[in-house]
N, C-alpha and C. Protein backbone atom coordinates (compact mmCIF):
# COMPACT_ATOMS: atom_id res chain seq x y z
N MET A 1 29.04 6.77 -21.32
CA MET A 1 27.91 5.91 -20.97
C MET A 1 26.89 5.93 -22.12
N ASN A 2 26.59 4.77 -22.66
CA ASN A 2 25.64 4.67 -23.77
C ASN A 2 24.21 4.85 -23.28
N PHE A 3 23.43 5.55 -24.06
CA PHE A 3 22.02 5.77 -23.73
C PHE A 3 21.19 5.38 -24.93
N THR A 4 20.39 4.39 -24.78
CA THR A 4 19.58 3.89 -25.90
C THR A 4 18.10 4.00 -25.58
N PHE A 5 17.33 4.27 -26.60
CA PHE A 5 15.88 4.30 -26.45
C PHE A 5 15.32 2.91 -26.67
N LEU A 6 14.33 2.57 -25.90
CA LEU A 6 13.66 1.29 -26.05
C LEU A 6 12.36 1.55 -26.81
N PRO A 7 12.16 0.94 -27.97
CA PRO A 7 10.96 1.22 -28.78
C PRO A 7 9.66 0.92 -28.05
N VAL A 8 9.60 -0.24 -27.40
CA VAL A 8 8.41 -0.61 -26.63
C VAL A 8 8.88 -1.34 -25.38
N GLU A 9 8.37 -0.96 -24.24
CA GLU A 9 8.78 -1.59 -22.99
C GLU A 9 7.55 -2.11 -22.25
N VAL A 10 7.51 -3.43 -22.05
CA VAL A 10 6.34 -4.03 -21.39
C VAL A 10 6.66 -4.47 -19.97
N LYS A 11 7.89 -4.22 -19.52
CA LYS A 11 8.27 -4.64 -18.18
C LYS A 11 7.56 -3.85 -17.09
N PHE A 12 6.92 -2.77 -17.47
CA PHE A 12 6.24 -1.95 -16.47
C PHE A 12 5.21 -2.78 -15.71
N TYR A 13 4.53 -3.69 -16.38
CA TYR A 13 3.55 -4.54 -15.70
C TYR A 13 4.24 -5.42 -14.65
N ASP A 14 5.45 -5.86 -14.97
CA ASP A 14 6.21 -6.66 -14.01
C ASP A 14 6.57 -5.82 -12.78
N TYR A 15 6.91 -4.56 -13.01
CA TYR A 15 7.22 -3.68 -11.89
C TYR A 15 6.00 -3.45 -11.01
N PHE A 16 4.83 -3.31 -11.64
CA PHE A 16 3.60 -3.14 -10.86
C PHE A 16 3.39 -4.36 -9.95
N LYS A 17 3.59 -5.54 -10.54
CA LYS A 17 3.41 -6.78 -9.77
C LYS A 17 4.41 -6.85 -8.62
N GLN A 18 5.66 -6.50 -8.90
CA GLN A 18 6.69 -6.53 -7.86
C GLN A 18 6.32 -5.60 -6.71
N ALA A 19 5.91 -4.39 -7.06
CA ALA A 19 5.56 -3.40 -6.04
C ALA A 19 4.40 -3.88 -5.18
N SER A 20 3.38 -4.46 -5.83
CA SER A 20 2.21 -4.93 -5.07
C SER A 20 2.55 -6.15 -4.22
N GLU A 21 3.43 -7.01 -4.71
CA GLU A 21 3.85 -8.17 -3.93
C GLU A 21 4.62 -7.74 -2.68
N MET A 22 5.45 -6.73 -2.84
CA MET A 22 6.18 -6.22 -1.68
C MET A 22 5.24 -5.56 -0.68
N LEU A 23 4.20 -4.90 -1.20
CA LEU A 23 3.22 -4.30 -0.30
C LEU A 23 2.47 -5.37 0.49
N VAL A 24 2.11 -6.46 -0.18
CA VAL A 24 1.46 -7.57 0.53
C VAL A 24 2.39 -8.11 1.61
N GLU A 25 3.64 -8.28 1.25
CA GLU A 25 4.62 -8.82 2.21
C GLU A 25 4.79 -7.88 3.40
N GLY A 26 4.90 -6.59 3.11
CA GLY A 26 5.07 -5.61 4.18
C GLY A 26 3.84 -5.51 5.06
N ALA A 27 2.66 -5.49 4.44
CA ALA A 27 1.41 -5.40 5.20
C ALA A 27 1.21 -6.64 6.08
N THR A 28 1.56 -7.80 5.54
CA THR A 28 1.44 -9.04 6.32
C THR A 28 2.38 -9.02 7.51
N ALA A 29 3.59 -8.49 7.31
CA ALA A 29 4.54 -8.38 8.41
C ALA A 29 4.02 -7.43 9.48
N LEU A 30 3.36 -6.35 9.06
CA LEU A 30 2.79 -5.41 10.03
C LEU A 30 1.66 -6.07 10.81
N GLN A 31 0.81 -6.82 10.13
CA GLN A 31 -0.25 -7.54 10.81
C GLN A 31 0.33 -8.52 11.83
N ASN A 32 1.38 -9.24 11.44
CA ASN A 32 2.04 -10.17 12.35
C ASN A 32 2.65 -9.43 13.53
N MET A 33 3.17 -8.25 13.27
CA MET A 33 3.76 -7.43 14.33
C MET A 33 2.72 -7.06 15.38
N LEU A 34 1.54 -6.66 14.91
CA LEU A 34 0.48 -6.29 15.84
C LEU A 34 -0.09 -7.49 16.58
N ASP A 35 0.01 -8.66 15.97
CA ASP A 35 -0.46 -9.89 16.62
C ASP A 35 0.58 -10.50 17.53
N HIS A 36 1.86 -10.15 17.31
CA HIS A 36 2.96 -10.73 18.09
C HIS A 36 3.95 -9.62 18.43
N MET A 37 3.59 -8.75 19.36
CA MET A 37 4.43 -7.62 19.70
C MET A 37 5.75 -8.04 20.32
N ASP A 38 5.86 -9.27 20.76
CA ASP A 38 7.14 -9.76 21.30
C ASP A 38 8.18 -9.90 20.18
N GLN A 39 7.72 -9.89 18.92
CA GLN A 39 8.63 -9.98 17.78
C GLN A 39 8.71 -8.64 17.04
N ALA A 40 8.33 -7.57 17.73
CA ALA A 40 8.18 -6.26 17.08
C ALA A 40 9.45 -5.78 16.40
N GLU A 41 10.57 -5.82 17.06
CA GLU A 41 11.80 -5.27 16.49
C GLU A 41 12.23 -6.03 15.24
N GLU A 42 12.15 -7.34 15.30
CA GLU A 42 12.52 -8.16 14.15
C GLU A 42 11.62 -7.89 12.95
N LEU A 43 10.31 -7.80 13.20
CA LEU A 43 9.36 -7.58 12.11
C LEU A 43 9.46 -6.16 11.57
N ALA A 44 9.71 -5.19 12.45
CA ALA A 44 9.87 -3.81 11.99
C ALA A 44 11.10 -3.68 11.09
N MET A 45 12.15 -4.40 11.42
CA MET A 45 13.35 -4.40 10.58
C MET A 45 13.04 -5.00 9.21
N ARG A 46 12.27 -6.08 9.22
CA ARG A 46 11.88 -6.71 7.95
C ARG A 46 11.05 -5.77 7.10
N ILE A 47 10.13 -5.05 7.72
CA ILE A 47 9.29 -4.09 7.01
C ILE A 47 10.14 -2.98 6.40
N SER A 48 11.12 -2.51 7.15
CA SER A 48 12.01 -1.46 6.66
C SER A 48 12.80 -1.95 5.44
N GLU A 49 13.23 -3.20 5.47
CA GLU A 49 13.95 -3.77 4.33
C GLU A 49 13.06 -3.83 3.09
N ILE A 50 11.81 -4.23 3.30
CA ILE A 50 10.86 -4.30 2.18
C ILE A 50 10.61 -2.91 1.61
N GLU A 51 10.49 -1.93 2.49
CA GLU A 51 10.25 -0.55 2.05
C GLU A 51 11.40 -0.05 1.18
N HIS A 52 12.62 -0.39 1.54
CA HIS A 52 13.78 0.01 0.74
C HIS A 52 13.76 -0.66 -0.63
N LYS A 53 13.34 -1.92 -0.68
CA LYS A 53 13.23 -2.62 -1.96
C LYS A 53 12.16 -1.96 -2.83
N GLY A 54 11.09 -1.51 -2.19
CA GLY A 54 10.04 -0.82 -2.92
C GLY A 54 10.55 0.47 -3.55
N ASP A 55 11.43 1.17 -2.83
CA ASP A 55 12.02 2.39 -3.38
C ASP A 55 12.81 2.10 -4.65
N SER A 56 13.47 0.95 -4.67
CA SER A 56 14.28 0.60 -5.84
C SER A 56 13.39 0.39 -7.07
N VAL A 57 12.17 -0.11 -6.87
CA VAL A 57 11.24 -0.29 -7.99
C VAL A 57 10.86 1.08 -8.56
N VAL A 58 10.59 2.02 -7.68
CA VAL A 58 10.25 3.38 -8.13
C VAL A 58 11.40 3.96 -8.95
N HIS A 59 12.63 3.77 -8.47
CA HIS A 59 13.80 4.29 -9.18
C HIS A 59 13.95 3.63 -10.55
N GLU A 60 13.73 2.33 -10.60
CA GLU A 60 13.84 1.60 -11.86
C GLU A 60 12.84 2.14 -12.89
N VAL A 61 11.61 2.32 -12.44
CA VAL A 61 10.57 2.83 -13.33
C VAL A 61 10.89 4.26 -13.77
N THR A 62 11.32 5.07 -12.83
CA THR A 62 11.66 6.47 -13.13
C THR A 62 12.78 6.55 -14.17
N ASN A 63 13.75 5.65 -14.06
CA ASN A 63 14.86 5.63 -15.02
C ASN A 63 14.46 5.06 -16.37
N LEU A 64 13.51 4.14 -16.36
CA LEU A 64 13.11 3.47 -17.59
C LEU A 64 12.19 4.33 -18.45
N LEU A 65 11.33 5.09 -17.82
CA LEU A 65 10.34 5.86 -18.56
C LEU A 65 10.92 6.81 -19.62
N PRO A 66 11.95 7.59 -19.29
CA PRO A 66 12.47 8.52 -20.30
C PRO A 66 13.11 7.81 -21.49
N ARG A 67 13.45 6.55 -21.32
CA ARG A 67 14.12 5.79 -22.39
C ARG A 67 13.14 5.00 -23.25
N THR A 68 11.87 5.08 -22.92
CA THR A 68 10.87 4.27 -23.61
C THR A 68 10.04 5.14 -24.55
N LEU A 69 10.13 4.86 -25.83
CA LEU A 69 9.40 5.66 -26.82
C LEU A 69 7.91 5.40 -26.77
N ILE A 70 7.54 4.12 -26.61
CA ILE A 70 6.13 3.75 -26.57
C ILE A 70 5.88 2.97 -25.29
N THR A 71 5.02 3.48 -24.43
CA THR A 71 4.70 2.80 -23.18
C THR A 71 3.33 2.13 -23.32
N PRO A 72 3.10 1.02 -22.61
CA PRO A 72 1.82 0.31 -22.73
C PRO A 72 0.64 1.13 -22.24
N ILE A 73 0.89 2.03 -21.30
CA ILE A 73 -0.14 2.95 -20.81
C ILE A 73 0.51 4.32 -20.64
N ASP A 74 -0.29 5.31 -20.33
CA ASP A 74 0.22 6.67 -20.21
C ASP A 74 1.38 6.75 -19.21
N PRO A 75 2.50 7.38 -19.57
CA PRO A 75 3.65 7.47 -18.67
C PRO A 75 3.32 8.07 -17.31
N GLU A 76 2.45 9.08 -17.29
CA GLU A 76 2.08 9.69 -16.02
C GLU A 76 1.32 8.69 -15.14
N ASP A 77 0.50 7.86 -15.75
CA ASP A 77 -0.22 6.84 -14.99
C ASP A 77 0.75 5.79 -14.45
N ILE A 78 1.74 5.43 -15.24
CA ILE A 78 2.76 4.49 -14.78
C ILE A 78 3.46 5.04 -13.54
N GLN A 79 3.86 6.30 -13.63
CA GLN A 79 4.54 6.93 -12.50
C GLN A 79 3.64 6.99 -11.27
N ARG A 80 2.39 7.33 -11.48
CA ARG A 80 1.46 7.43 -10.35
C ARG A 80 1.18 6.07 -9.72
N LEU A 81 1.12 5.03 -10.55
CA LEU A 81 0.84 3.70 -10.02
C LEU A 81 1.93 3.24 -9.07
N VAL A 82 3.18 3.36 -9.50
CA VAL A 82 4.27 2.92 -8.62
C VAL A 82 4.41 3.84 -7.41
N LYS A 83 4.10 5.13 -7.62
CA LYS A 83 4.24 6.10 -6.52
C LYS A 83 3.20 5.85 -5.43
N THR A 84 1.95 5.60 -5.81
CA THR A 84 0.92 5.39 -4.79
C THR A 84 1.14 4.08 -4.03
N VAL A 85 1.62 3.05 -4.72
CA VAL A 85 1.95 1.80 -4.02
C VAL A 85 3.11 2.04 -3.06
N ASP A 86 4.10 2.80 -3.52
CA ASP A 86 5.24 3.13 -2.66
C ASP A 86 4.80 3.95 -1.45
N ASP A 87 3.87 4.88 -1.66
CA ASP A 87 3.34 5.68 -0.55
C ASP A 87 2.66 4.79 0.49
N ALA A 88 1.93 3.78 0.01
CA ALA A 88 1.27 2.85 0.93
C ALA A 88 2.31 2.07 1.73
N MET A 89 3.37 1.63 1.06
CA MET A 89 4.43 0.90 1.76
C MET A 89 5.15 1.81 2.74
N ASP A 90 5.34 3.07 2.39
CA ASP A 90 5.94 4.03 3.31
C ASP A 90 5.10 4.17 4.58
N ALA A 91 3.78 4.19 4.41
CA ALA A 91 2.89 4.31 5.57
C ALA A 91 2.94 3.06 6.45
N VAL A 92 3.06 1.91 5.81
CA VAL A 92 3.21 0.65 6.57
C VAL A 92 4.48 0.71 7.41
N ASN A 93 5.57 1.15 6.78
CA ASN A 93 6.84 1.24 7.49
C ASN A 93 6.77 2.28 8.61
N ALA A 94 6.13 3.41 8.33
CA ALA A 94 5.99 4.46 9.36
C ALA A 94 5.20 3.94 10.56
N THR A 95 4.17 3.15 10.29
CA THR A 95 3.38 2.57 11.38
C THR A 95 4.23 1.65 12.23
N ALA A 96 5.01 0.80 11.59
CA ALA A 96 5.87 -0.12 12.33
C ALA A 96 6.86 0.64 13.20
N GLN A 97 7.42 1.70 12.66
CA GLN A 97 8.39 2.49 13.43
C GLN A 97 7.72 3.20 14.60
N ARG A 98 6.50 3.68 14.42
CA ARG A 98 5.78 4.32 15.53
C ARG A 98 5.49 3.32 16.65
N LEU A 99 5.16 2.10 16.27
CA LEU A 99 4.90 1.08 17.28
C LEU A 99 6.14 0.86 18.14
N LEU A 100 7.30 0.93 17.54
CA LEU A 100 8.55 0.80 18.30
C LEU A 100 8.84 2.05 19.13
N ILE A 101 8.70 3.20 18.49
CA ILE A 101 9.00 4.46 19.18
C ILE A 101 8.12 4.65 20.41
N TYR A 102 6.84 4.32 20.26
CA TYR A 102 5.90 4.50 21.37
C TYR A 102 5.88 3.30 22.31
N LYS A 103 6.78 2.34 22.04
CA LYS A 103 6.94 1.17 22.93
C LYS A 103 5.61 0.46 23.20
N VAL A 104 4.86 0.23 22.14
CA VAL A 104 3.58 -0.46 22.25
C VAL A 104 3.82 -1.92 22.62
N LYS A 105 3.18 -2.35 23.66
CA LYS A 105 3.31 -3.74 24.11
C LYS A 105 2.07 -4.56 23.78
N LYS A 106 0.92 -3.87 23.74
CA LYS A 106 -0.33 -4.56 23.46
C LYS A 106 -1.12 -3.77 22.43
N PRO A 107 -1.48 -4.38 21.31
CA PRO A 107 -2.22 -3.67 20.27
C PRO A 107 -3.68 -3.46 20.66
N THR A 108 -4.32 -2.51 20.02
CA THR A 108 -5.76 -2.34 20.21
C THR A 108 -6.49 -3.13 19.12
N PRO A 109 -7.73 -3.52 19.39
CA PRO A 109 -8.51 -4.21 18.37
C PRO A 109 -8.65 -3.39 17.08
N THR A 110 -8.74 -2.06 17.23
CA THR A 110 -8.86 -1.19 16.05
C THR A 110 -7.63 -1.30 15.17
N ALA A 111 -6.45 -1.25 15.77
CA ALA A 111 -5.21 -1.36 15.01
C ALA A 111 -5.13 -2.71 14.30
N GLN A 112 -5.52 -3.76 14.98
CA GLN A 112 -5.49 -5.09 14.37
C GLN A 112 -6.48 -5.20 13.21
N THR A 113 -7.64 -4.59 13.38
CA THR A 113 -8.64 -4.60 12.31
C THR A 113 -8.14 -3.86 11.08
N LEU A 114 -7.57 -2.67 11.30
CA LEU A 114 -7.05 -1.87 10.19
C LEU A 114 -5.91 -2.59 9.49
N ALA A 115 -5.05 -3.24 10.25
CA ALA A 115 -3.93 -3.98 9.64
C ALA A 115 -4.45 -5.13 8.78
N ARG A 116 -5.48 -5.80 9.26
CA ARG A 116 -6.07 -6.90 8.48
C ARG A 116 -6.67 -6.37 7.18
N LEU A 117 -7.33 -5.24 7.26
CA LEU A 117 -7.94 -4.65 6.06
C LEU A 117 -6.87 -4.22 5.06
N ILE A 118 -5.74 -3.74 5.56
CA ILE A 118 -4.64 -3.35 4.68
C ILE A 118 -4.12 -4.56 3.92
N VAL A 119 -3.96 -5.67 4.62
CA VAL A 119 -3.50 -6.89 3.97
C VAL A 119 -4.48 -7.32 2.87
N GLU A 120 -5.76 -7.27 3.18
CA GLU A 120 -6.77 -7.66 2.20
C GLU A 120 -6.76 -6.71 1.00
N CYS A 121 -6.62 -5.41 1.25
CA CYS A 121 -6.54 -4.43 0.16
C CYS A 121 -5.32 -4.71 -0.71
N ALA A 122 -4.20 -4.97 -0.08
CA ALA A 122 -2.96 -5.22 -0.82
C ALA A 122 -3.08 -6.47 -1.69
N LYS A 123 -3.73 -7.49 -1.18
CA LYS A 123 -3.91 -8.72 -1.95
C LYS A 123 -4.82 -8.48 -3.16
N GLU A 124 -5.86 -7.67 -2.96
CA GLU A 124 -6.74 -7.34 -4.08
C GLU A 124 -5.99 -6.53 -5.14
N LEU A 125 -5.13 -5.64 -4.67
CA LEU A 125 -4.34 -4.83 -5.60
C LEU A 125 -3.40 -5.72 -6.40
N ARG A 126 -2.78 -6.68 -5.74
CA ARG A 126 -1.88 -7.60 -6.43
C ARG A 126 -2.63 -8.37 -7.52
N LEU A 127 -3.82 -8.79 -7.22
CA LEU A 127 -4.63 -9.50 -8.21
C LEU A 127 -5.02 -8.58 -9.38
N ALA A 128 -5.32 -7.33 -9.05
CA ALA A 128 -5.67 -6.37 -10.11
C ALA A 128 -4.50 -6.14 -11.05
N PHE A 129 -3.32 -5.96 -10.49
CA PHE A 129 -2.13 -5.76 -11.32
C PHE A 129 -1.83 -7.01 -12.14
N GLY A 130 -2.10 -8.16 -11.57
CA GLY A 130 -1.83 -9.41 -12.27
C GLY A 130 -2.64 -9.57 -13.54
N ALA A 131 -3.79 -8.92 -13.60
CA ALA A 131 -4.66 -9.04 -14.78
C ALA A 131 -4.64 -7.81 -15.66
N LEU A 132 -3.91 -6.77 -15.26
CA LEU A 132 -4.00 -5.49 -15.94
C LEU A 132 -3.45 -5.51 -17.37
N SER A 133 -2.49 -6.37 -17.64
CA SER A 133 -1.85 -6.38 -18.96
C SER A 133 -2.72 -7.01 -20.05
N ASP A 134 -3.82 -7.65 -19.65
CA ASP A 134 -4.70 -8.35 -20.60
C ASP A 134 -6.07 -7.68 -20.61
N LYS A 135 -6.40 -7.03 -21.71
CA LYS A 135 -7.68 -6.31 -21.78
C LYS A 135 -8.88 -7.24 -21.58
N LYS A 136 -8.71 -8.50 -21.94
CA LYS A 136 -9.80 -9.46 -21.77
C LYS A 136 -10.09 -9.71 -20.29
N GLN A 137 -9.14 -9.34 -19.44
CA GLN A 137 -9.29 -9.56 -18.01
C GLN A 137 -9.70 -8.29 -17.25
N TYR A 138 -10.02 -7.24 -18.01
CA TYR A 138 -10.38 -5.97 -17.36
C TYR A 138 -11.57 -6.11 -16.43
N PHE A 139 -12.49 -7.02 -16.75
CA PHE A 139 -13.66 -7.19 -15.88
C PHE A 139 -13.23 -7.70 -14.51
N LYS A 140 -12.19 -8.53 -14.48
CA LYS A 140 -11.66 -9.02 -13.21
C LYS A 140 -10.96 -7.89 -12.45
N VAL A 141 -10.24 -7.07 -13.20
CA VAL A 141 -9.55 -5.94 -12.57
C VAL A 141 -10.57 -5.04 -11.88
N ARG A 142 -11.68 -4.78 -12.57
CA ARG A 142 -12.73 -3.93 -11.99
C ARG A 142 -13.28 -4.53 -10.70
N GLU A 143 -13.46 -5.84 -10.68
CA GLU A 143 -13.96 -6.51 -9.48
C GLU A 143 -13.02 -6.30 -8.30
N HIS A 144 -11.73 -6.36 -8.56
CA HIS A 144 -10.75 -6.16 -7.49
C HIS A 144 -10.74 -4.71 -7.01
N ILE A 145 -10.93 -3.78 -7.94
CA ILE A 145 -10.97 -2.37 -7.55
C ILE A 145 -12.19 -2.08 -6.69
N VAL A 146 -13.32 -2.67 -7.07
CA VAL A 146 -14.54 -2.49 -6.26
C VAL A 146 -14.33 -3.05 -4.86
N ARG A 147 -13.66 -4.18 -4.79
CA ARG A 147 -13.38 -4.80 -3.48
C ARG A 147 -12.47 -3.90 -2.64
N ILE A 148 -11.48 -3.28 -3.29
CA ILE A 148 -10.59 -2.36 -2.57
C ILE A 148 -11.39 -1.19 -2.01
N ASN A 149 -12.29 -0.65 -2.81
CA ASN A 149 -13.12 0.47 -2.35
C ASN A 149 -13.97 0.08 -1.14
N THR A 150 -14.51 -1.14 -1.18
CA THR A 150 -15.31 -1.64 -0.06
C THR A 150 -14.47 -1.78 1.20
N LEU A 151 -13.29 -2.33 1.04
CA LEU A 151 -12.39 -2.51 2.18
C LEU A 151 -11.94 -1.17 2.75
N GLU A 152 -11.71 -0.20 1.86
CA GLU A 152 -11.31 1.12 2.33
C GLU A 152 -12.43 1.76 3.15
N ASN A 153 -13.67 1.57 2.72
CA ASN A 153 -14.81 2.08 3.48
C ASN A 153 -14.91 1.42 4.85
N GLU A 154 -14.65 0.12 4.88
CA GLU A 154 -14.62 -0.58 6.16
C GLU A 154 -13.51 -0.03 7.06
N GLY A 155 -12.40 0.34 6.43
CA GLY A 155 -11.30 0.94 7.18
C GLY A 155 -11.69 2.28 7.79
N ASP A 156 -12.42 3.08 7.03
CA ASP A 156 -12.90 4.36 7.55
C ASP A 156 -13.78 4.16 8.77
N ILE A 157 -14.68 3.19 8.68
CA ILE A 157 -15.59 2.91 9.80
C ILE A 157 -14.81 2.49 11.04
N ALA A 158 -13.84 1.60 10.85
CA ALA A 158 -13.03 1.13 11.97
C ALA A 158 -12.19 2.28 12.55
N TYR A 159 -11.68 3.12 11.68
CA TYR A 159 -10.85 4.26 12.10
C TYR A 159 -11.65 5.22 12.98
N TYR A 160 -12.84 5.61 12.52
CA TYR A 160 -13.64 6.56 13.28
C TYR A 160 -14.14 5.95 14.59
N ALA A 161 -14.46 4.67 14.56
CA ALA A 161 -14.87 4.00 15.80
C ALA A 161 -13.71 3.99 16.80
N GLY A 162 -12.51 3.75 16.30
CA GLY A 162 -11.34 3.75 17.16
C GLY A 162 -11.07 5.12 17.76
N LEU A 163 -11.24 6.16 16.96
CA LEU A 163 -11.05 7.51 17.47
C LEU A 163 -12.06 7.84 18.57
N LYS A 164 -13.30 7.41 18.38
CA LYS A 164 -14.32 7.66 19.40
C LYS A 164 -13.95 6.99 20.72
N GLU A 165 -13.39 5.80 20.64
CA GLU A 165 -12.96 5.10 21.85
C GLU A 165 -11.82 5.86 22.53
N LEU A 166 -10.92 6.40 21.74
CA LEU A 166 -9.81 7.16 22.31
C LEU A 166 -10.31 8.42 23.01
N VAL A 167 -11.24 9.11 22.37
CA VAL A 167 -11.80 10.34 22.96
C VAL A 167 -12.54 10.03 24.25
N ALA A 168 -13.22 8.88 24.29
CA ALA A 168 -13.96 8.49 25.49
C ALA A 168 -13.01 8.28 26.67
N ASP A 169 -11.75 7.96 26.34
CA ASP A 169 -10.77 7.71 27.40
C ASP A 169 -9.64 8.74 27.30
N LYS A 170 -10.02 10.00 27.01
CA LYS A 170 -9.04 11.04 26.72
C LYS A 170 -8.19 11.45 27.91
N ASP A 171 -8.54 11.01 29.11
CA ASP A 171 -7.71 11.33 30.28
C ASP A 171 -6.34 10.67 30.15
N GLU A 172 -6.28 9.57 29.40
CA GLU A 172 -5.00 8.91 29.13
C GLU A 172 -4.37 9.60 27.92
N ILE A 173 -3.78 10.78 28.14
CA ILE A 173 -3.36 11.63 27.04
C ILE A 173 -2.27 10.98 26.18
N PHE A 174 -1.31 10.30 26.80
CA PHE A 174 -0.24 9.66 26.01
C PHE A 174 -0.82 8.56 25.14
N ASN A 175 -1.71 7.79 25.71
CA ASN A 175 -2.36 6.72 24.95
C ASN A 175 -3.14 7.30 23.78
N PHE A 176 -3.81 8.43 24.04
CA PHE A 176 -4.58 9.08 22.98
C PHE A 176 -3.67 9.53 21.86
N ILE A 177 -2.56 10.17 22.20
CA ILE A 177 -1.66 10.72 21.19
C ILE A 177 -1.05 9.63 20.33
N ARG A 178 -0.53 8.58 20.97
CA ARG A 178 0.18 7.57 20.18
C ARG A 178 -0.77 6.76 19.29
N TRP A 179 -1.94 6.41 19.83
CA TRP A 179 -2.84 5.59 19.02
C TRP A 179 -3.53 6.41 17.94
N LYS A 180 -3.79 7.68 18.21
CA LYS A 180 -4.36 8.55 17.17
C LYS A 180 -3.42 8.60 15.98
N GLU A 181 -2.14 8.76 16.23
CA GLU A 181 -1.16 8.83 15.15
C GLU A 181 -1.06 7.50 14.41
N ILE A 182 -1.05 6.42 15.16
CA ILE A 182 -0.95 5.10 14.54
C ILE A 182 -2.19 4.80 13.71
N TYR A 183 -3.37 5.13 14.23
CA TYR A 183 -4.60 4.91 13.46
C TYR A 183 -4.59 5.71 12.16
N GLU A 184 -4.11 6.95 12.23
CA GLU A 184 -4.07 7.80 11.04
C GLU A 184 -3.16 7.20 9.97
N LEU A 185 -2.03 6.66 10.40
CA LEU A 185 -1.11 6.03 9.44
C LEU A 185 -1.73 4.79 8.81
N LEU A 186 -2.39 4.01 9.62
CA LEU A 186 -3.04 2.80 9.11
C LEU A 186 -4.15 3.16 8.13
N GLU A 187 -4.95 4.14 8.49
CA GLU A 187 -6.06 4.54 7.61
C GLU A 187 -5.54 5.15 6.32
N SER A 188 -4.44 5.89 6.41
CA SER A 188 -3.87 6.50 5.21
C SER A 188 -3.34 5.44 4.25
N THR A 189 -2.95 4.29 4.79
CA THR A 189 -2.46 3.21 3.93
C THR A 189 -3.57 2.69 3.03
N THR A 190 -4.75 2.49 3.60
CA THR A 190 -5.88 2.05 2.77
C THR A 190 -6.26 3.13 1.76
N ASP A 191 -6.09 4.40 2.13
CA ASP A 191 -6.37 5.50 1.20
C ASP A 191 -5.43 5.44 0.00
N ARG A 192 -4.14 5.19 0.28
CA ARG A 192 -3.15 5.15 -0.80
C ARG A 192 -3.42 3.98 -1.74
N ILE A 193 -3.84 2.85 -1.18
CA ILE A 193 -4.16 1.70 -2.03
C ILE A 193 -5.39 2.02 -2.88
N GLU A 194 -6.36 2.69 -2.29
CA GLU A 194 -7.53 3.10 -3.07
C GLU A 194 -7.13 4.08 -4.16
N ASP A 195 -6.16 4.96 -3.88
CA ASP A 195 -5.66 5.89 -4.90
C ASP A 195 -5.09 5.11 -6.08
N THR A 196 -4.35 4.04 -5.77
CA THR A 196 -3.80 3.20 -6.84
C THR A 196 -4.93 2.60 -7.66
N GLY A 197 -5.95 2.14 -6.97
CA GLY A 197 -7.11 1.58 -7.65
C GLY A 197 -7.78 2.59 -8.57
N ASP A 198 -7.83 3.84 -8.14
CA ASP A 198 -8.42 4.89 -8.97
C ASP A 198 -7.63 5.09 -10.27
N VAL A 199 -6.29 5.02 -10.15
CA VAL A 199 -5.47 5.17 -11.34
C VAL A 199 -5.67 3.98 -12.28
N ILE A 200 -5.75 2.79 -11.69
CA ILE A 200 -6.00 1.60 -12.50
C ILE A 200 -7.33 1.72 -13.25
N GLN A 201 -8.34 2.24 -12.55
CA GLN A 201 -9.65 2.44 -13.17
C GLN A 201 -9.53 3.41 -14.35
N LYS A 202 -8.75 4.44 -14.19
CA LYS A 202 -8.51 5.42 -15.27
C LYS A 202 -7.83 4.73 -16.46
N VAL A 203 -6.87 3.88 -16.16
CA VAL A 203 -6.15 3.15 -17.20
C VAL A 203 -7.10 2.26 -17.99
N ILE A 204 -7.97 1.56 -17.27
CA ILE A 204 -8.94 0.66 -17.90
C ILE A 204 -9.85 1.43 -18.84
N ILE A 205 -10.36 2.55 -18.37
CA ILE A 205 -11.27 3.36 -19.20
C ILE A 205 -10.55 3.88 -20.43
N GLY A 206 -9.30 4.29 -20.26
CA GLY A 206 -8.55 4.85 -21.37
C GLY A 206 -8.08 3.85 -22.40
N ASN A 207 -8.00 2.56 -21.98
CA ASN A 207 -7.47 1.54 -22.88
C ASN A 207 -8.49 0.49 -23.31
N ALA A 208 -9.71 0.64 -22.82
CA ALA A 208 -10.74 -0.36 -23.15
C ALA A 208 -11.10 -0.32 -24.63
């Protein structure tokens, strides 16, 4: 098997875009799932398929990095970028599976709000990645990162409000357990997207 080094590889930006596009697709499917629980199994299957495709992007990047002599940005940052996006997609998939396992028939407003915020975060991330390869567009990238941070804060507020509602009705122990877990997964998704934004911010500072 021949092994060749690539002097300069710029496809990493394409992989970032692919990963973020799949996250948008997966997050949108999750939002649709919470809005149309009668289609839960079909949408959960679609989310699982997207998650598997996301794994393939991580593998591609992992295989490409050791063969690239000069990377457009720090190799560790490249690895972290695809990993944090993949972690967010994993959380989306885990949420969908929990909705099936716990046989959720009717979503809570908190879950729907968090899902909507995830979709918005994912779209902002996609826009940030779309401009990342051009230093002249760094100001736009920063705007998208700021927006992600704002959305993540909104997610925290919705998450804690949802927990308070669950505690107020804690006599329904099964309901408390399942929704607490689902809320945590949803909130962790916005955290992972914010983590990606933090790495992007580091990249911008290091390459400006």
